[in-house]
Amino acid sequence: MPDPFLENKPLQNQPLQNRFSHSESENPPRIAPDLADAMVRKHYSARLLFYILFVILLSFLDAFFTLLLLYLGAAEINPVMAFFLQFGPTAFLAAKYTITAVCVTVMILGATRMGKAGNRLADRLFLFLAAAFGIVIVWELYLLFNALQ
């Protein structure tokens, strides 16, 4: 049985009409490319991606060294992370990553809304966050070397 919707309607001879179609004299609409430019190119840079990945890497190093120290007999003094440790190392790692990712996302969204001043603030905040994680990791390495001697 032939399809009633396709009967007597040759598809190859009909022009495609949609909300982006235009006549030959008009300029084509640029809604999608402009929106993509505004969302990606104006606010996010390679430097920001490096900061994000670096902070997440430092967070994972902190979690790894924390779990190693716990295995060697140390105790977790952060009450939030101690709560997640009750459910095992997988829950601890998931919570650590989630908390870090949420903080990074909030920083990016805040910087995006503030424009250039926000980008400078985000740079400083990411450097501060990286320094804080760096200090914690150096402290954990110090504790590891003392525990292994």
Protein backbone atom coordinates (compact mmCIF):
# COMPACT_ATOMS: atom_id res chain seq x y z
CA MET A 1 0.00 0.00 0.00
CA PRO A 2 1.51 3.36 -0.97
CA ASP A 3 2.17 5.94 1.72
CA PRO A 4 -0.52 8.68 1.52
CA PHE A 5 1.94 11.33 2.73
CA LEU A 6 4.37 10.71 -0.12
CA GLU A 7 1.82 10.22 -2.90
CA ASN A 8 2.14 12.71 -5.76
CA LYS A 9 4.90 14.63 -3.96
CA PRO A 10 8.26 14.13 -5.64
CA LEU A 11 10.88 14.99 -3.04
CA GLN A 12 13.72 15.81 -5.43
CA ASN A 13 11.86 18.74 -7.03
CA GLN A 14 10.76 20.46 -3.82
CA PRO A 15 13.04 23.04 -2.21
CA LEU A 16 13.97 22.44 1.38
CA GLN A 17 12.19 25.00 3.55
CA ASN A 18 13.10 25.57 7.13
CA ARG A 19 13.55 28.46 9.48
CA PHE A 20 17.07 29.12 8.17
CA SER A 21 16.14 29.19 4.50
CA HIS A 22 16.61 32.48 2.67
CA SER A 23 16.31 33.94 -0.77
CA GLU A 24 19.30 34.48 -3.03
CA SER A 25 19.31 38.24 -2.38
CA GLU A 26 19.49 37.96 1.41
CA ASN A 27 22.53 37.14 3.46
CA PRO A 28 22.26 33.75 5.10
CA PRO A 29 21.42 33.87 8.81
CA ARG A 30 24.36 33.41 11.15
CA ILE A 31 22.58 32.50 14.35
CA ALA A 32 24.28 29.21 15.09
CA PRO A 33 27.91 30.20 14.28
CA ASP A 34 27.64 33.46 16.23
CA LEU A 35 26.19 31.66 19.21
CA ALA A 36 28.95 29.08 19.06
CA ASP A 37 31.59 31.84 18.88
CA ALA A 38 30.09 33.63 21.86
CA MET A 39 29.93 30.47 23.93
CA VAL A 40 33.32 29.00 23.12
CA ARG A 41 35.84 31.43 21.72
CA LYS A 42 35.18 34.58 23.70
CA HIS A 43 35.22 33.14 27.20
CA TYR A 44 37.30 29.98 27.27
CA SER A 45 40.95 29.81 26.40
CA ALA A 46 43.61 27.13 26.27
CA ARG A 47 45.10 28.62 29.44
CA LEU A 48 41.82 28.11 31.28
CA LEU A 49 41.66 24.50 30.08
CA PHE A 50 45.20 23.99 31.38
CA TYR A 51 44.21 25.45 34.77
CA ILE A 52 41.16 23.19 34.99
CA LEU A 53 43.08 20.04 34.10
CA PHE A 54 45.96 20.97 36.39
CA VAL A 55 43.67 21.55 39.39
CA ILE A 56 41.84 18.27 38.75
CA LEU A 57 45.18 16.45 38.46
CA LEU A 58 46.35 17.96 41.74
CA SER A 59 43.07 16.93 43.33
CA PHE A 60 43.59 13.33 42.23
CA LEU A 61 47.19 13.38 43.48
CA ASP A 62 45.92 14.66 46.83
CA ALA A 63 43.34 11.86 46.96
CA PHE A 64 45.93 9.22 46.01
CA PHE A 65 48.44 10.36 48.61
CA THR A 66 45.66 10.60 51.21
CA LEU A 67 44.61 7.01 50.56
CA LEU A 68 48.25 5.90 50.70
CA LEU A 69 48.75 7.66 54.03
CA LEU A 70 45.55 6.13 55.38
CA TYR A 71 46.85 2.70 54.40
CA LEU A 72 50.02 3.46 56.38
CA GLY A 73 48.02 4.36 59.48
CA ALA A 74 47.27 8.08 59.18
CA ALA A 75 43.84 9.57 59.87
CA GLU A 76 41.75 11.88 57.69
CA ILE A 77 41.24 15.18 59.51
CA ASN A 78 38.83 16.68 56.97
CA PRO A 79 35.36 15.76 58.33
CA VAL A 80 33.67 15.88 54.92
CA MET A 81 36.16 13.54 53.30
CA ALA A 82 36.26 11.34 56.44
CA PHE A 83 32.51 10.87 55.99
CA PHE A 84 33.00 9.62 52.43
CA LEU A 85 35.86 7.35 53.50
CA GLN A 86 33.35 5.38 55.57
CA PHE A 87 31.93 4.13 52.25
CA GLY A 88 35.28 3.10 50.83
CA PRO A 89 37.98 4.51 48.54
CA THR A 90 35.72 4.63 45.46
CA ALA A 91 33.21 6.87 47.23
CA PHE A 92 36.09 8.96 48.54
CA LEU A 93 37.54 9.45 45.04
CA ALA A 94 34.10 10.18 43.54
CA ALA A 95 33.37 12.76 46.22
CA LYS A 96 36.79 14.35 45.84
CA TYR A 97 36.36 14.65 42.07
CA THR A 98 32.77 15.90 42.32
CA ILE A 99 33.58 18.57 44.89
CA THR A 100 36.56 19.76 42.84
CA ALA A 101 34.57 19.75 39.59
CA VAL A 102 31.70 21.72 41.15
CA CYS A 103 34.09 24.33 42.55
CA VAL A 104 35.87 24.66 39.21
CA THR A 105 32.54 24.99 37.38
CA VAL A 106 31.33 27.69 39.76
CA MET A 107 34.58 29.59 39.27
CA ILE A 108 34.28 29.38 35.48
CA LEU A 109 30.64 30.46 35.44
CA GLY A 110 31.38 33.35 37.78
CA ALA A 111 34.32 34.48 35.68
CA THR A 112 32.26 34.23 32.49
CA ARG A 113 29.55 36.49 33.90
CA MET A 114 32.08 39.10 35.05
CA GLY A 115 33.85 39.54 31.70
CA LYS A 116 37.53 40.51 31.57
CA ALA A 117 37.73 41.33 35.27
CA GLY A 118 36.27 37.91 35.98
CA ASN A 119 38.85 36.24 33.77
CA ARG A 120 41.64 37.91 35.73
CA LEU A 121 39.95 36.90 38.98
CA ALA A 122 39.56 33.31 37.73
CA ASP A 123 43.26 33.22 36.82
CA ARG A 124 44.17 34.30 40.34
CA LEU A 125 41.72 31.88 41.95
CA PHE A 126 43.03 28.96 39.90
CA LEU A 127 46.60 29.87 40.82
CA PHE A 128 45.59 30.09 44.48
CA LEU A 129 43.80 26.74 44.25
CA ALA A 130 46.80 25.14 42.55
CA ALA A 131 49.12 26.58 45.22
CA ALA A 132 46.86 25.30 48.01
CA PHE A 133 46.76 21.81 46.48
CA GLY A 134 50.53 22.02 45.96
CA ILE A 135 51.13 22.82 49.62
CA VAL A 136 48.90 19.92 50.68
CA ILE A 137 50.69 17.53 48.31
CA VAL A 138 54.13 18.62 49.58
CA TRP A 139 52.90 18.05 53.14
CA GLU A 140 51.60 14.60 52.21
CA LEU A 141 54.91 13.72 50.54
CA TYR A 142 56.73 14.82 53.70
CA LEU A 143 54.46 12.58 55.79
CA LEU A 144 54.96 9.68 53.36
CA PHE A 145 58.75 9.92 53.48
CA ASN A 146 58.69 10.06 57.28
CA ALA A 147 56.29 7.10 57.49
CA LEU A 148 58.44 4.98 55.18
CA GLN A 149 61.66 5.52 57.16
